[in-house]
Amino acid sequence: MNTHLYAWFTTLGLFCCSQMSAQTNIISGKVSGIDTNEILNGVSVIVKGTREGTYTNSKGHFSITTKQSLPAVLTFTSIGFEDTSITVASTNYITITMLPAASLGQEVVVAATRIPTRILESPVSIEGFNSKQIINSPATSYYDMAGALKGVDLTTSSLTFKTISTRGFNGSGSPRVNQIVDGMDNQAPGLNFFVGNFAGLTELDVQSMELL
């Protein structure tokens, strides 16, 4: 009888020890930016080497429950900030500051093909003006404004017939120049060249004009 009791108490002791070794740790803290000391919400907090993780709330606080024994490594990630990793040796409340990530922007220009390209890699020179410049211009029409652009010749056959020519002999019709309106060729049928403002848009319908 005594032998059975001794074996039962021994088993109970081993069970308690295994439960204590499998206990969980709760790590909590606050995350903010190092420059402005602003609270950061939505920051991902992950225990390194596990799938245990959480996010900071609207006040920058987080609380994560882990079965990982301490010390443990926490990794903090957020868009616009550098990844931060710290080693936590206790369950005391911690405060984390994250550095903003530096990124270089790239200038782009939208060509007539509507394909964004780097401005330094653009194969052509692009000049133009927008609707605000057209409204504020004292010119009769935006065709007169285009005549002031570099490398442009403007032929005025009449008040309602002005055509543009570039890098070549000037004339009332230029088959070397294409006029594209909203992606459509504005060439007159049978003439093999565009007829300028004779069949062009009025200033009220033009948002911008670009010359390649």
C-alpha atoms as a PDB file:
ATOM      1  CA  MET A   1       0.000   0.000   0.000  1.00  0.00           C
ATOM      2  CA  ASN A   2       2.786   2.405   0.934  1.00  0.00           C
ATOM      3  CA  THR A   3       4.667   1.498  -2.247  1.00  0.00           C
ATOM      4  CA  HIS A   4       1.661   2.457  -4.411  1.00  0.00           C
ATOM      5  CA  LEU A   5       1.246   5.783  -2.593  1.00  0.00           C
ATOM      6  CA  TYR A   6       4.921   6.602  -3.092  1.00  0.00           C
ATOM      7  CA  ALA A   7       4.670   5.869  -6.828  1.00  0.00           C
ATOM      8  CA  TRP A   8       1.535   8.057  -7.126  1.00  0.00           C
ATOM      9  CA  PHE A   9       3.137  11.031  -5.393  1.00  0.00           C
ATOM     10  CA  THR A  10       6.218  10.656  -7.565  1.00  0.00           C
ATOM     11  CA  THR A  11       4.104  10.798 -10.735  1.00  0.00           C
ATOM     12  CA  LEU A  12       2.265  13.873  -9.430  1.00  0.00           C
ATOM     13  CA  GLY A  13       5.566  15.628  -8.754  1.00  0.00           C
ATOM     14  CA  LEU A  14       6.822  14.957 -12.278  1.00  0.00           C
ATOM     15  CA  PHE A  15       3.548  16.284 -13.722  1.00  0.00           C
ATOM     16  CA  CYS A  16       3.848  19.532 -11.732  1.00  0.00           C
ATOM     17  CA  CYS A  17       7.435  20.002 -12.881  1.00  0.00           C
ATOM     18  CA  SER A  18       6.454  19.542 -16.541  1.00  0.00           C
ATOM     19  CA  GLN A  19       3.647  22.063 -16.145  1.00  0.00           C
ATOM     20  CA  MET A  20       5.993  24.613 -14.620  1.00  0.00           C
ATOM     21  CA  SER A  21       8.517  24.133 -17.441  1.00  0.00           C
ATOM     22  CA  ALA A  22       5.747  24.719 -20.044  1.00  0.00           C
ATOM     23  CA  GLN A  23       4.489  27.961 -18.481  1.00  0.00           C
ATOM     24  CA  THR A  24       3.969  30.975 -20.715  1.00  0.00           C
ATOM     25  CA  ASN A  25       5.494  34.451 -20.515  1.00  0.00           C
ATOM     26  CA  ILE A  26       3.577  37.658 -21.173  1.00  0.00           C
ATOM     27  CA  ILE A  27       5.669  40.483 -22.645  1.00  0.00           C
ATOM     28  CA  SER A  28       4.110  43.930 -22.974  1.00  0.00           C
ATOM     29  CA  GLY A  29       5.327  47.384 -23.888  1.00  0.00           C
ATOM     30  CA  LYS A  30       4.929  50.507 -26.018  1.00  0.00           C
ATOM     31  CA  VAL A  31       6.341  51.468 -29.449  1.00  0.00           C
ATOM     32  CA  SER A  32       7.002  55.045 -30.590  1.00  0.00           C
ATOM     33  CA  GLY A  33       9.054  56.959 -33.173  1.00  0.00           C
ATOM     34  CA  ILE A  34      12.463  58.158 -32.076  1.00  0.00           C
ATOM     35  CA  ASP A  35      12.277  61.591 -33.780  1.00  0.00           C
ATOM     36  CA  THR A  36       8.843  62.925 -32.889  1.00  0.00           C
ATOM     37  CA  ASN A  37       8.117  60.471 -30.078  1.00  0.00           C
ATOM     38  CA  GLU A  38       4.800  59.757 -31.789  1.00  0.00           C
ATOM     39  CA  ILE A  39       2.988  56.563 -30.911  1.00  0.00           C
ATOM     40  CA  LEU A  40       3.076  53.918 -33.635  1.00  0.00           C
ATOM     41  CA  ASN A  41       0.050  51.715 -34.186  1.00  0.00           C
ATOM     42  CA  GLY A  42      -0.115  48.659 -36.401  1.00  0.00           C
ATOM     43  CA  VAL A  43       3.524  47.733 -35.744  1.00  0.00           C
ATOM     44  CA  SER A  44       4.151  43.991 -36.185  1.00  0.00           C
ATOM     45  CA  VAL A  45       5.707  42.332 -33.118  1.00  0.00           C
ATOM     46  CA  ILE A  46       7.052  38.794 -33.597  1.00  0.00           C
ATOM     47  CA  VAL A  47       8.977  36.463 -31.308  1.00  0.00           C
ATOM     48  CA  LYS A  48      11.994  35.488 -33.423  1.00  0.00           C
ATOM     49  CA  GLY A  49      12.097  31.830 -34.355  1.00  0.00           C
ATOM     50  CA  THR A  50       8.380  31.280 -33.637  1.00  0.00           C
ATOM     51  CA  ARG A  51       4.990  32.047 -35.164  1.00  0.00           C
ATOM     52  CA  GLU A  52       3.902  34.007 -32.108  1.00  0.00           C
ATOM     53  CA  GLY A  53       3.145  37.632 -32.860  1.00  0.00           C
ATOM     54  CA  THR A  54       0.808  40.579 -32.439  1.00  0.00           C
ATOM     55  CA  TYR A  55       0.306  44.239 -33.447  1.00  0.00           C
ATOM     56  CA  THR A  56       0.396  47.480 -31.480  1.00  0.00           C
ATOM     57  CA  ASN A  57      -2.974  49.112 -30.811  1.00  0.00           C
ATOM     58  CA  SER A  58      -4.041  52.710 -31.469  1.00  0.00           C
ATOM     59  CA  LYS A  59      -2.052  53.873 -28.424  1.00  0.00           C
ATOM     60  CA  GLY A  60       1.118  52.041 -29.422  1.00  0.00           C
ATOM     61  CA  HIS A  61       0.770  49.350 -26.733  1.00  0.00           C
ATOM     62  CA  PHE A  62       1.263  45.643 -27.310  1.00  0.00           C
ATOM     63  CA  SER A  63       1.042  42.471 -25.285  1.00  0.00           C
ATOM     64  CA  ILE A  64       2.291  39.135 -26.525  1.00  0.00           C
ATOM     65  CA  THR A  65       2.031  35.711 -24.890  1.00  0.00           C
ATOM     66  CA  THR A  66       4.848  33.324 -25.701  1.00  0.00           C
ATOM     67  CA  LYS A  67       5.931  29.847 -24.696  1.00  0.00           C
ATOM     68  CA  GLN A  68       9.495  30.800 -25.558  1.00  0.00           C
ATOM     69  CA  SER A  69      11.765  30.779 -22.532  1.00  0.00           C
ATOM     70  CA  LEU A  70      13.438  34.067 -21.653  1.00  0.00           C
ATOM     71  CA  PRO A  71      15.603  35.694 -22.836  1.00  0.00           C
ATOM     72  CA  ALA A  72      13.757  35.966 -26.169  1.00  0.00           C
ATOM     73  CA  VAL A  73      14.286  38.184 -29.209  1.00  0.00           C
ATOM     74  CA  LEU A  74      11.400  40.410 -30.380  1.00  0.00           C
ATOM     75  CA  THR A  75      11.351  41.815 -33.910  1.00  0.00           C
ATOM     76  CA  PHE A  76       9.408  45.030 -34.692  1.00  0.00           C
ATOM     77  CA  THR A  77       8.510  45.915 -38.296  1.00  0.00           C
ATOM     78  CA  SER A  78       6.438  48.761 -39.756  1.00  0.00           C
ATOM     79  CA  ILE A  79       6.179  50.516 -43.127  1.00  0.00           C
ATOM     80  CA  GLY A  80       8.320  53.645 -43.169  1.00  0.00           C
ATOM     81  CA  PHE A  81      10.527  52.511 -40.282  1.00  0.00           C
ATOM     82  CA  GLU A  82      13.636  50.388 -40.000  1.00  0.00           C
ATOM     83  CA  ASP A  83      13.252  46.872 -38.595  1.00  0.00           C
ATOM     84  CA  THR A  84      14.177  46.736 -34.913  1.00  0.00           C
ATOM     85  CA  SER A  85      15.156  43.693 -32.833  1.00  0.00           C
ATOM     86  CA  ILE A  86      15.688  43.604 -29.066  1.00  0.00           C
ATOM     87  CA  THR A  87      16.427  40.896 -26.513  1.00  0.00           C
ATOM     88  CA  VAL A  88      13.940  40.636 -23.645  1.00  0.00           C
ATOM     89  CA  ALA A  89      15.219  38.978 -20.485  1.00  0.00           C
ATOM     90  CA  SER A  90      12.222  39.599 -18.191  1.00  0.00           C
ATOM     91  CA  THR A  91       8.495  40.295 -18.328  1.00  0.00           C
ATOM     92  CA  ASN A  92       8.929  43.919 -17.253  1.00  0.00           C
ATOM     93  CA  TYR A  93       7.141  46.614 -19.307  1.00  0.00           C
ATOM     94  CA  ILE A  94       9.415  47.777 -22.123  1.00  0.00           C
ATOM     95  CA  THR A  95       9.547  50.877 -24.328  1.00  0.00           C
ATOM     96  CA  ILE A  96      10.717  50.630 -27.958  1.00  0.00           C
ATOM     97  CA  THR A  97      11.703  53.483 -30.302  1.00  0.00           C
ATOM     98  CA  MET A  98      11.970  52.933 -34.073  1.00  0.00           C
ATOM     99  CA  LEU A  99      14.053  54.868 -36.592  1.00  0.00           C
ATOM    100  CA  PRO A 100      12.376  56.181 -39.780  1.00  0.00           C
ATOM    101  CA  ALA A 101      13.569  54.452 -42.944  1.00  0.00           C
ATOM    102  CA  ALA A 102      15.261  56.644 -45.540  1.00  0.00           C
ATOM    103  CA  SER A 103      14.282  56.148 -49.184  1.00  0.00           C
ATOM    104  CA  LEU A 104      15.260  57.977 -52.380  1.00  0.00           C
ATOM    105  CA  GLY A 105      12.526  59.024 -54.800  1.00  0.00           C
ATOM    106  CA  GLN A 106      12.872  58.808 -58.560  1.00  0.00           C
ATOM    107  CA  GLU A 107      11.678  61.539 -60.913  1.00  0.00           C
ATOM    108  CA  VAL A 108       9.489  60.308 -63.757  1.00  0.00           C
ATOM    109  CA  VAL A 109       8.004  61.869 -66.863  1.00  0.00           C
ATOM    110  CA  VAL A 110       4.818  60.669 -68.577  1.00  0.00           C
ATOM    111  CA  ALA A 111       5.411  60.549 -72.312  1.00  0.00           C
ATOM    112  CA  ALA A 112       2.773  60.601 -75.028  1.00  0.00           C
ATOM    113  CA  THR A 113       2.768  56.826 -74.973  1.00  0.00           C
ATOM    114  CA  ARG A 114       1.393  57.111 -71.397  1.00  0.00           C
ATOM    115  CA  ILE A 115       4.274  54.917 -70.187  1.00  0.00           C
ATOM    116  CA  PRO A 116       6.142  56.338 -67.147  1.00  0.00           C
ATOM    117  CA  THR A 117       9.885  56.507 -67.713  1.00  0.00           C
ATOM    118  CA  ARG A 118      12.810  58.008 -65.802  1.00  0.00           C
ATOM    119  CA  ILE A 119      13.330  61.603 -66.888  1.00  0.00           C
ATOM    120  CA  LEU A 120      17.026  61.000 -67.508  1.00  0.00           C
ATOM    121  CA  GLU A 121      16.242  58.020 -69.740  1.00  0.00           C
ATOM    122  CA  SER A 122      13.535  59.734 -71.785  1.00  0.00           C
ATOM    123  CA  PRO A 123      14.579  59.388 -75.456  1.00  0.00           C
ATOM    124  CA  VAL A 124      13.010  62.736 -76.459  1.00  0.00           C
ATOM    125  CA  SER A 125      12.774  66.292 -75.184  1.00  0.00           C
ATOM    126  CA  ILE A 126       9.310  67.158 -73.883  1.00  0.00           C
ATOM    127  CA  GLU A 127       7.816  70.624 -73.556  1.00  0.00           C
ATOM    128  CA  GLY A 128       4.285  71.684 -72.841  1.00  0.00           C
ATOM    129  CA  PHE A 129       1.826  73.637 -70.727  1.00  0.00           C
ATOM    130  CA  ASN A 130      -1.294  72.944 -68.683  1.00  0.00           C
ATOM    131  CA  SER A 131      -4.810  74.396 -68.603  1.00  0.00           C
ATOM    132  CA  LYS A 132      -3.908  77.024 -65.983  1.00  0.00           C
ATOM    133  CA  GLN A 133      -1.148  78.395 -68.199  1.00  0.00           C
ATOM    134  CA  ILE A 134      -3.522  78.435 -71.184  1.00  0.00           C
ATOM    135  CA  ILE A 135      -6.114  80.435 -69.219  1.00  0.00           C
ATOM    136  CA  ASN A 136      -3.567  82.966 -67.954  1.00  0.00           C
ATOM    137  CA  SER A 137      -1.837  83.384 -71.318  1.00  0.00           C
ATOM    138  CA  PRO A 138      -2.573  86.572 -73.348  1.00  0.00           C
ATOM    139  CA  ALA A 139      -2.186  84.568 -76.591  1.00  0.00           C
ATOM    140  CA  THR A 140      -5.134  84.158 -78.944  1.00  0.00           C
ATOM    141  CA  SER A 141      -5.010  80.367 -78.640  1.00  0.00           C
ATOM    142  CA  TYR A 142      -2.781  77.648 -77.249  1.00  0.00           C
ATOM    143  CA  TYR A 143      -1.398  77.224 -80.778  1.00  0.00           C
ATOM    144  CA  ASP A 144       0.188  80.674 -80.423  1.00  0.00           C
ATOM    145  CA  MET A 145       1.654  79.490 -77.123  1.00  0.00           C
ATOM    146  CA  ALA A 146       3.091  76.422 -78.848  1.00  0.00           C
ATOM    147  CA  GLY A 147       4.816  78.697 -81.371  1.00  0.00           C
ATOM    148  CA  ALA A 148       6.927  80.108 -78.517  1.00  0.00           C
ATOM    149  CA  LEU A 149       8.328  76.701 -77.567  1.00  0.00           C
ATOM    150  CA  LYS A 150      11.909  75.781 -78.454  1.00  0.00           C
ATOM    151  CA  GLY A 151      12.391  74.332 -81.940  1.00  0.00           C
ATOM    152  CA  VAL A 152       8.822  75.116 -83.071  1.00  0.00           C
ATOM    153  CA  ASP A 153       7.702  77.051 -86.151  1.00  0.00           C
ATOM    154  CA  LEU A 154       4.099  78.218 -86.366  1.00  0.00           C
ATOM    155  CA  THR A 155       2.539  78.900 -89.761  1.00  0.00           C
ATOM    156  CA  THR A 156      -0.483  81.187 -89.695  1.00  0.00           C
ATOM    157  CA  SER A 157      -2.523  80.845 -92.871  1.00  0.00           C
ATOM    158  CA  SER A 158      -5.500  82.571 -91.258  1.00  0.00           C
ATOM    159  CA  LEU A 159      -6.949  83.165 -87.803  1.00  0.00           C
ATOM    160  CA  THR A 160      -8.574  79.746 -87.903  1.00  0.00           C
ATOM    161  CA  PHE A 161      -5.766  77.862 -89.650  1.00  0.00           C
ATOM    162  CA  LYS A 162      -2.492  77.609 -87.751  1.00  0.00           C
ATOM    163  CA  THR A 163      -0.174  74.646 -88.113  1.00  0.00           C
ATOM    164  CA  ILE A 164       2.954  73.612 -86.244  1.00  0.00           C
ATOM    165  CA  SER A 165       6.230  72.441 -87.773  1.00  0.00           C
ATOM    166  CA  THR A 166       9.442  71.316 -86.060  1.00  0.00           C
ATOM    167  CA  ARG A 167      13.021  70.748 -87.211  1.00  0.00           C
ATOM    168  CA  GLY A 168      12.439  71.207 -90.898  1.00  0.00           C
ATOM    169  CA  PHE A 169      10.982  73.358 -93.664  1.00  0.00           C
ATOM    170  CA  ASN A 170       7.975  75.311 -92.571  1.00  0.00           C
ATOM    171  CA  GLY A 171       4.706  75.255 -94.488  1.00  0.00           C
ATOM    172  CA  SER A 172       0.956  75.370 -94.185  1.00  0.00           C
ATOM    173  CA  GLY A 173       0.870  71.599 -93.856  1.00  0.00           C
ATOM    174  CA  SER A 174       3.482  69.412 -92.194  1.00  0.00           C
ATOM    175  CA  PRO A 175       3.226  65.690 -92.927  1.00  0.00           C
ATOM    176  CA  ARG A 176       6.140  65.061 -90.528  1.00  0.00           C
ATOM    177  CA  VAL A 177       4.132  66.189 -87.468  1.00  0.00           C
ATOM    178  CA  ASN A 178       1.329  64.167 -85.926  1.00  0.00           C
ATOM    179  CA  GLN A 179      -1.381  65.723 -83.786  1.00  0.00           C
ATOM    180  CA  ILE A 180      -2.757  63.289 -81.196  1.00  0.00           C
ATOM    181  CA  VAL A 181      -5.938  64.175 -79.290  1.00  0.00           C
ATOM    182  CA  ASP A 182      -6.730  61.761 -76.435  1.00  0.00           C
ATOM    183  CA  GLY A 183      -4.686  59.082 -78.205  1.00  0.00           C
ATOM    184  CA  MET A 184      -6.443  59.569 -81.580  1.00  0.00           C
ATOM    185  CA  ASP A 185      -4.672  60.797 -84.718  1.00  0.00           C
ATOM    186  CA  ASN A 186      -6.232  64.119 -85.817  1.00  0.00           C
ATOM    187  CA  GLN A 187      -5.010  63.829 -89.405  1.00  0.00           C
ATOM    188  CA  ALA A 188      -7.405  65.103 -92.035  1.00  0.00           C
ATOM    189  CA  PRO A 189      -8.637  62.375 -94.402  1.00  0.00           C
ATOM    190  CA  GLY A 190      -6.980  62.511 -97.812  1.00  0.00           C
ATOM    191  CA  LEU A 191      -4.584  65.375 -96.921  1.00  0.00           C
ATOM    192  CA  ASN A 192      -1.931  63.286 -95.172  1.00  0.00           C
ATOM    193  CA  PHE A 193      -1.311  65.979 -92.545  1.00  0.00           C
ATOM    194  CA  PHE A 194      -3.151  67.507 -89.605  1.00  0.00           C
ATOM    195  CA  VAL A 195      -4.910  70.822 -90.167  1.00  0.00           C
ATOM    196  CA  GLY A 196      -3.945  72.486 -86.894  1.00  0.00           C
ATOM    197  CA  ASN A 197      -6.568  74.476 -85.047  1.00  0.00           C
ATOM    198  CA  PHE A 198      -8.903  74.299 -88.052  1.00  0.00           C
ATOM    199  CA  ALA A 199     -10.087  70.967 -86.640  1.00  0.00           C
ATOM    200  CA  GLY A 200      -8.465  71.285 -83.228  1.00  0.00           C
ATOM    201  CA  LEU A 201      -9.935  71.668 -79.771  1.00  0.00           C
ATOM    202  CA  THR A 202     -10.969  74.922 -78.171  1.00  0.00           C
ATOM    203  CA  GLU A 203      -9.139  76.222 -75.102  1.00  0.00           C
ATOM    204  CA  LEU A 204     -12.061  75.135 -72.912  1.00  0.00           C
ATOM    205  CA  ASP A 205     -11.561  71.484 -73.893  1.00  0.00           C
ATOM    206  CA  VAL A 206      -7.775  71.332 -73.458  1.00  0.00           C
ATOM    207  CA  GLN A 207      -6.347  70.125 -70.146  1.00  0.00           C
ATOM    208  CA  SER A 208      -2.713  70.088 -71.253  1.00  0.00           C
ATOM    209  CA  MET A 209      -0.541  70.090 -74.356  1.00  0.00           C
ATOM    210  CA  GLU A 210       2.812  68.373 -74.816  1.00  0.00           C
ATOM    211  CA  LEU A 211       5.257  68.611 -77.677  1.00  0.00           C
ATOM    212  CA  LEU A 212       7.742  65.797 -78.258  1.00  0.00           C
END
